[in-house]
């Protein structure tokens, strides 16, 4: 019995020794566990880097979209501004054209008015000349000279009227005043000649 007890104890010790892991096995398991932990840490880091890269990519896309939208808005604003400038220039050219047309009409109207008065003066002078040709009195000679002076002055006013066609807007008013004064002077001289006849 003692023998069988010893054998049983020995078998039990052998079984216990067989159940116990050796130090190298434990080390191998620890290394494997460490490798698995390292692999999990590396996988987690890779996943974080991927998430960060995705977030950076998404942020870059949003930035690019915002920049594109800003460029589009700027482009639209510039197009609108250019359209307003073009419209304003078009309006200004139209107004300048209208002002030029009005100026030309005023010039033509003034020229026609002066020419009409000159024609009237020339017709009166021609009528007076016919009357004076029939009269042979010596006092009439001075009147004839005054009439000739009126005719010369009428021709000078007509020359002034031709130069008026080339006048600038600033000098038109000066021409108008000068021409009206000349016409008034002509009418007065013609009236004196008419009174003398």
C-alpha atoms as a PDB file:
ATOM      1  CA  UNK A   1       0.000   0.000   0.000  1.00  0.00           C
ATOM      2  CA  UNK A   2       2.720   2.302   0.598  1.00  0.00           C
ATOM      3  CA  UNK A   3       4.001   1.536  -2.771  1.00  0.00           C
ATOM      4  CA  UNK A   4       0.733   2.271  -4.331  1.00  0.00           C
ATOM      5  CA  UNK A   5       0.512   5.486  -2.349  1.00  0.00           C
ATOM      6  CA  UNK A   6       3.906   6.492  -3.542  1.00  0.00           C
ATOM      7  CA  UNK A   7       3.081   5.639  -7.065  1.00  0.00           C
ATOM      8  CA  UNK A   8      -0.111   7.580  -6.858  1.00  0.00           C
ATOM      9  CA  UNK A   9       1.741  10.553  -5.505  1.00  0.00           C
ATOM     10  CA  UNK A  10       4.293  10.287  -8.211  1.00  0.00           C
ATOM     11  CA  UNK A  11       1.622  10.061 -10.858  1.00  0.00           C
ATOM     12  CA  UNK A  12      -0.046  12.993  -9.280  1.00  0.00           C
ATOM     13  CA  UNK A  13       3.196  14.969  -9.308  1.00  0.00           C
ATOM     14  CA  UNK A  14       3.775  14.023 -12.884  1.00  0.00           C
ATOM     15  CA  UNK A  15       0.269  15.059 -13.745  1.00  0.00           C
ATOM     16  CA  UNK A  16       0.729  18.325 -11.884  1.00  0.00           C
ATOM     17  CA  UNK A  17       4.030  18.907 -13.604  1.00  0.00           C
ATOM     18  CA  UNK A  18       2.368  18.129 -16.901  1.00  0.00           C
ATOM     19  CA  UNK A  19      -0.380  20.664 -16.158  1.00  0.00           C
ATOM     20  CA  UNK A  20       2.027  23.342 -15.242  1.00  0.00           C
ATOM     21  CA  UNK A  21       3.399  25.338 -18.124  1.00  0.00           C
ATOM     22  CA  UNK A  22       7.031  25.760 -18.524  1.00  0.00           C
ATOM     23  CA  UNK A  23       8.660  29.211 -18.410  1.00  0.00           C
ATOM     24  CA  UNK A  24       9.405  29.157 -22.115  1.00  0.00           C
ATOM     25  CA  UNK A  25       5.799  28.425 -22.901  1.00  0.00           C
ATOM     26  CA  UNK A  26       4.735  31.274 -20.646  1.00  0.00           C
ATOM     27  CA  UNK A  27       7.221  33.592 -22.344  1.00  0.00           C
ATOM     28  CA  UNK A  28       5.992  32.504 -25.746  1.00  0.00           C
ATOM     29  CA  UNK A  29       2.417  33.216 -24.724  1.00  0.00           C
ATOM     30  CA  UNK A  30       3.434  36.605 -23.325  1.00  0.00           C
ATOM     31  CA  UNK A  31       5.252  37.462 -26.554  1.00  0.00           C
ATOM     32  CA  UNK A  32       2.218  36.349 -28.551  1.00  0.00           C
ATOM     33  CA  UNK A  33      -0.061  38.407 -26.318  1.00  0.00           C
ATOM     34  CA  UNK A  34       2.286  41.398 -26.709  1.00  0.00           C
ATOM     35  CA  UNK A  35       2.339  40.929 -30.480  1.00  0.00           C
ATOM     36  CA  UNK A  36      -1.435  40.797 -30.527  1.00  0.00           C
ATOM     37  CA  UNK A  37      -1.606  43.929 -28.374  1.00  0.00           C
ATOM     38  CA  UNK A  38       0.918  45.653 -30.664  1.00  0.00           C
ATOM     39  CA  UNK A  39      -1.102  44.566 -33.691  1.00  0.00           C
ATOM     40  CA  UNK A  40      -4.301  45.903 -32.122  1.00  0.00           C
ATOM     41  CA  UNK A  41      -2.549  49.169 -31.234  1.00  0.00           C
ATOM     42  CA  UNK A  42      -1.198  49.435 -34.792  1.00  0.00           C
ATOM     43  CA  UNK A  43      -4.657  48.662 -36.204  1.00  0.00           C
ATOM     44  CA  UNK A  44      -6.176  51.321 -33.935  1.00  0.00           C
ATOM     45  CA  UNK A  45      -3.494  53.839 -34.956  1.00  0.00           C
ATOM     46  CA  UNK A  46      -4.042  53.001 -38.637  1.00  0.00           C
ATOM     47  CA  UNK A  47      -7.775  53.445 -38.147  1.00  0.00           C
ATOM     48  CA  UNK A  48      -7.202  56.813 -36.406  1.00  0.00           C
ATOM     49  CA  UNK A  49      -4.861  57.934 -39.210  1.00  0.00           C
ATOM     50  CA  UNK A  50      -7.465  56.873 -41.766  1.00  0.00           C
ATOM     51  CA  UNK A  51     -10.170  58.777 -39.879  1.00  0.00           C
ATOM     52  CA  UNK A  52      -7.901  61.855 -39.628  1.00  0.00           C
ATOM     53  CA  UNK A  53      -7.057  61.585 -43.333  1.00  0.00           C
ATOM     54  CA  UNK A  54     -10.758  61.253 -44.176  1.00  0.00           C
ATOM     55  CA  UNK A  55     -11.550  64.245 -41.946  1.00  0.00           C
ATOM     56  CA  UNK A  56      -8.734  66.260 -43.582  1.00  0.00           C
ATOM     57  CA  UNK A  57      -9.993  65.241 -47.016  1.00  0.00           C
ATOM     58  CA  UNK A  58     -13.540  66.250 -46.084  1.00  0.00           C
ATOM     59  CA  UNK A  59     -12.278  69.558 -44.656  1.00  0.00           C
ATOM     60  CA  UNK A  60     -10.205  70.208 -47.799  1.00  0.00           C
ATOM     61  CA  UNK A  61     -13.264  69.448 -49.927  1.00  0.00           C
ATOM     62  CA  UNK A  62     -15.380  71.852 -47.863  1.00  0.00           C
ATOM     63  CA  UNK A  63     -12.678  74.518 -48.136  1.00  0.00           C
ATOM     64  CA  UNK A  64     -12.437  73.985 -51.902  1.00  0.00           C
ATOM     65  CA  UNK A  65     -16.236  74.187 -52.188  1.00  0.00           C
ATOM     66  CA  UNK A  66     -16.287  77.393 -50.121  1.00  0.00           C
ATOM     67  CA  UNK A  67     -13.489  78.886 -52.235  1.00  0.00           C
ATOM     68  CA  UNK A  68     -15.312  77.923 -55.438  1.00  0.00           C
ATOM     69  CA  UNK A  69     -18.519  79.458 -54.096  1.00  0.00           C
ATOM     70  CA  UNK A  70     -16.620  82.627 -53.151  1.00  0.00           C
ATOM     71  CA  UNK A  71     -15.027  82.787 -56.623  1.00  0.00           C
ATOM     72  CA  UNK A  72     -18.436  82.250 -58.227  1.00  0.00           C
ATOM     73  CA  UNK A  73     -19.998  84.991 -56.088  1.00  0.00           C
ATOM     74  CA  UNK A  74     -17.082  87.312 -56.874  1.00  0.00           C
ATOM     75  CA  UNK A  75     -17.394  86.524 -60.563  1.00  0.00           C
ATOM     76  CA  UNK A  76     -21.143  87.156 -60.465  1.00  0.00           C
ATOM     77  CA  UNK A  77     -20.595  90.428 -58.606  1.00  0.00           C
ATOM     78  CA  UNK A  78     -17.986  91.515 -61.168  1.00  0.00           C
ATOM     79  CA  UNK A  79     -20.326  90.596 -64.016  1.00  0.00           C
ATOM     80  CA  UNK A  80     -23.130  92.623 -62.421  1.00  0.00           C
ATOM     81  CA  UNK A  81     -20.777  95.547 -61.806  1.00  0.00           C
ATOM     82  CA  UNK A  82     -19.521  95.413 -65.398  1.00  0.00           C
ATOM     83  CA  UNK A  83     -23.097  95.279 -66.659  1.00  0.00           C
ATOM     84  CA  UNK A  84     -23.956  98.359 -64.554  1.00  0.00           C
ATOM     85  CA  UNK A  85     -20.857 100.169 -65.844  1.00  0.00           C
ATOM     86  CA  UNK A  86     -21.730  99.266 -69.439  1.00  0.00           C
ATOM     87  CA  UNK A  87     -25.317 100.450 -68.893  1.00  0.00           C
ATOM     88  CA  UNK A  88     -24.108 103.677 -67.274  1.00  0.00           C
ATOM     89  CA  UNK A  89     -21.699 104.292 -70.151  1.00  0.00           C
ATOM     90  CA  UNK A  90     -24.451 103.552 -72.635  1.00  0.00           C
ATOM     91  CA  UNK A  91     -26.766 105.983 -70.823  1.00  0.00           C
ATOM     92  CA  UNK A  92     -24.021 108.608 -70.694  1.00  0.00           C
ATOM     93  CA  UNK A  93     -23.331 108.216 -74.413  1.00  0.00           C
ATOM     94  CA  UNK A  94     -27.073 108.483 -75.080  1.00  0.00           C
ATOM     95  CA  UNK A  95     -27.332 111.625 -72.981  1.00  0.00           C
ATOM     96  CA  UNK A  96     -24.242 113.074 -74.649  1.00  0.00           C
ATOM     97  CA  UNK A  97     -25.726 112.257 -78.057  1.00  0.00           C
ATOM     98  CA  UNK A  98     -29.025 113.878 -77.045  1.00  0.00           C
ATOM     99  CA  UNK A  99     -27.183 116.955 -75.771  1.00  0.00           C
ATOM    100  CA  UNK A 100     -25.171 117.112 -78.981  1.00  0.00           C
ATOM    101  CA  UNK A 101     -28.326 116.719 -81.060  1.00  0.00           C
ATOM    102  CA  UNK A 102     -30.072 119.440 -79.033  1.00  0.00           C
ATOM    103  CA  UNK A 103     -27.025 121.671 -79.465  1.00  0.00           C
ATOM    104  CA  UNK A 104     -27.036 121.048 -83.221  1.00  0.00           C
ATOM    105  CA  UNK A 105     -30.783 121.756 -83.418  1.00  0.00           C
ATOM    106  CA  UNK A 106     -30.315 124.993 -81.450  1.00  0.00           C
ATOM    107  CA  UNK A 107     -27.440 125.968 -83.737  1.00  0.00           C
ATOM    108  CA  UNK A 108     -29.505 125.226 -86.863  1.00  0.00           C
ATOM    109  CA  UNK A 109     -32.518 127.096 -85.446  1.00  0.00           C
ATOM    110  CA  UNK A 110     -30.371 130.105 -84.603  1.00  0.00           C
ATOM    111  CA  UNK A 111     -28.704 130.026 -88.030  1.00  0.00           C
ATOM    112  CA  UNK A 112     -32.099 129.847 -89.763  1.00  0.00           C
ATOM    113  CA  UNK A 113     -33.424 132.678 -87.643  1.00  0.00           C
ATOM    114  CA  UNK A 114     -30.393 134.884 -88.404  1.00  0.00           C
ATOM    115  CA  UNK A 115     -30.528 133.982 -92.106  1.00  0.00           C
ATOM    116  CA  UNK A 116     -34.236 134.865 -92.194  1.00  0.00           C
ATOM    117  CA  UNK A 117     -33.529 138.264 -90.647  1.00  0.00           C
ATOM    118  CA  UNK A 118     -30.571 138.801 -93.001  1.00  0.00           C
ATOM    119  CA  UNK A 119     -32.772 137.899 -95.974  1.00  0.00           C
ATOM    120  CA  UNK A 120     -35.330 140.434 -94.753  1.00  0.00           C
ATOM    121  CA  UNK A 121     -32.605 143.086 -94.372  1.00  0.00           C
ATOM    122  CA  UNK A 122     -31.172 142.254 -97.825  1.00  0.00           C
ATOM    123  CA  UNK A 123     -34.657 142.452 -99.394  1.00  0.00           C
ATOM    124  CA  UNK A 124     -35.281 145.835 -97.748  1.00  0.00           C
ATOM    125  CA  UNK A 125     -31.853 147.013 -98.885  1.00  0.00           C
ATOM    126  CA  UNK A 126     -32.597 145.864-102.458  1.00  0.00           C
ATOM    127  CA  UNK A 127     -35.924 147.714-102.422  1.00  0.00           C
ATOM    128  CA  UNK A 128     -34.241 150.872-101.100  1.00  0.00           C
ATOM    129  CA  UNK A 129     -31.515 150.527-103.717  1.00  0.00           C
ATOM    130  CA  UNK A 130     -34.156 150.484-106.483  1.00  0.00           C
ATOM    131  CA  UNK A 131     -35.748 153.619-105.025  1.00  0.00           C
ATOM    132  CA  UNK A 132     -32.365 155.334-104.780  1.00  0.00           C
ATOM    133  CA  UNK A 133     -31.433 154.465-108.377  1.00  0.00           C
ATOM    134  CA  UNK A 134     -34.473 156.323-109.607  1.00  0.00           C
ATOM    135  CA  UNK A 135     -33.623 159.392-107.521  1.00  0.00           C
ATOM    136  CA  UNK A 136     -30.788 161.584-108.767  1.00  0.00           C
ATOM    137  CA  UNK A 137     -30.598 164.187-106.004  1.00  0.00           C
ATOM    138  CA  UNK A 138     -27.067 164.942-104.730  1.00  0.00           C
ATOM    139  CA  UNK A 139     -28.067 164.273-101.081  1.00  0.00           C
ATOM    140  CA  UNK A 140     -28.961 160.733-102.059  1.00  0.00           C
ATOM    141  CA  UNK A 141     -25.294 159.890-102.717  1.00  0.00           C
ATOM    142  CA  UNK A 142     -24.575 159.784 -98.966  1.00  0.00           C
ATOM    143  CA  UNK A 143     -27.616 157.570 -98.490  1.00  0.00           C
ATOM    144  CA  UNK A 144     -26.362 155.259-101.253  1.00  0.00           C
ATOM    145  CA  UNK A 145     -23.032 154.998 -99.444  1.00  0.00           C
ATOM    146  CA  UNK A 146     -24.832 154.103 -96.210  1.00  0.00           C
ATOM    147  CA  UNK A 147     -26.823 151.466 -98.096  1.00  0.00           C
ATOM    148  CA  UNK A 148     -23.615 150.022 -99.569  1.00  0.00           C
ATOM    149  CA  UNK A 149     -22.202 149.888 -96.030  1.00  0.00           C
ATOM    150  CA  UNK A 150     -25.340 147.996 -94.878  1.00  0.00           C
ATOM    151  CA  UNK A 151     -24.884 145.507 -97.751  1.00  0.00           C
ATOM    152  CA  UNK A 152     -21.200 144.972 -96.834  1.00  0.00           C
ATOM    153  CA  UNK A 153     -22.076 144.523 -93.183  1.00  0.00           C
ATOM    154  CA  UNK A 154     -24.805 142.015 -94.160  1.00  0.00           C
ATOM    155  CA  UNK A 155     -22.216 140.014 -96.115  1.00  0.00           C
ATOM    156  CA  UNK A 156     -19.853 140.153 -93.112  1.00  0.00           C
ATOM    157  CA  UNK A 157     -22.604 138.834 -90.836  1.00  0.00           C
ATOM    158  CA  UNK A 158     -23.226 135.994 -93.326  1.00  0.00           C
ATOM    159  CA  UNK A 159     -19.479 135.171 -93.164  1.00  0.00           C
ATOM    160  CA  UNK A 160     -19.691 135.189 -89.368  1.00  0.00           C
ATOM    161  CA  UNK A 161     -22.680 132.867 -89.664  1.00  0.00           C
ATOM    162  CA  UNK A 162     -20.606 130.403 -91.721  1.00  0.00           C
ATOM    163  CA  UNK A 163     -17.882 130.382 -89.053  1.00  0.00           C
ATOM    164  CA  UNK A 164     -20.640 129.899 -86.476  1.00  0.00           C
ATOM    165  CA  UNK A 165     -21.235 126.426 -87.986  1.00  0.00           C
ATOM    166  CA  UNK A 166     -17.774 125.400 -86.765  1.00  0.00           C
ATOM    167  CA  UNK A 167     -18.109 126.953 -83.319  1.00  0.00           C
ATOM    168  CA  UNK A 168     -17.802 124.875 -80.165  1.00  0.00           C
ATOM    169  CA  UNK A 169     -20.496 124.737 -77.517  1.00  0.00           C
ATOM    170  CA  UNK A 170     -18.715 127.289 -75.337  1.00  0.00           C
ATOM    171  CA  UNK A 171     -18.409 129.861 -78.099  1.00  0.00           C
ATOM    172  CA  UNK A 172     -21.954 129.454 -79.467  1.00  0.00           C
ATOM    173  CA  UNK A 173     -23.432 131.816 -76.927  1.00  0.00           C
ATOM    174  CA  UNK A 174     -20.767 134.396 -77.753  1.00  0.00           C
ATOM    175  CA  UNK A 175     -21.532 134.001 -81.480  1.00  0.00           C
ATOM    176  CA  UNK A 176     -25.243 134.313 -80.853  1.00  0.00           C
ATOM    177  CA  UNK A 177     -24.783 137.543 -78.921  1.00  0.00           C
ATOM    178  CA  UNK A 178     -22.389 138.923 -81.559  1.00  0.00           C
ATOM    179  CA  UNK A 179     -24.708 137.978 -84.429  1.00  0.00           C
ATOM    180  CA  UNK A 180     -27.759 139.479 -82.706  1.00  0.00           C
ATOM    181  CA  UNK A 181     -25.842 142.705 -82.036  1.00  0.00           C
ATOM    182  CA  UNK A 182     -24.751 142.835 -85.680  1.00  0.00           C
ATOM    183  CA  UNK A 183     -28.341 142.272 -86.821  1.00  0.00           C
ATOM    184  CA  UNK A 184     -29.588 145.006 -84.505  1.00  0.00           C
ATOM    185  CA  UNK A 185     -26.954 147.398 -85.838  1.00  0.00           C
ATOM    186  CA  UNK A 186     -27.875 146.495 -89.426  1.00  0.00           C
ATOM    187  CA  UNK A 187     -31.556 147.098 -88.771  1.00  0.00           C
ATOM    188  CA  UNK A 188     -30.834 150.494 -87.219  1.00  0.00           C
ATOM    189  CA  UNK A 189     -28.655 151.586 -90.156  1.00  0.00           C
ATOM    190  CA  UNK A 190     -31.238 150.303 -92.615  1.00  0.00           C
ATOM    191  CA  UNK A 191     -33.949 152.231 -90.753  1.00  0.00           C
ATOM    192  CA  UNK A 192     -31.847 155.439 -91.044  1.00  0.00           C
ATOM    193  CA  UNK A 193     -31.373 154.827 -94.765  1.00  0.00           C
ATOM    194  CA  UNK A 194     -35.093 154.170 -95.138  1.00  0.00           C
ATOM    195  CA  UNK A 195     -35.856 157.403 -93.245  1.00  0.00           C
ATOM    196  CA  UNK A 196     -33.497 159.290 -95.531  1.00  0.00           C
ATOM    197  CA  UNK A 197     -35.196 158.001 -98.710  1.00  0.00           C
END
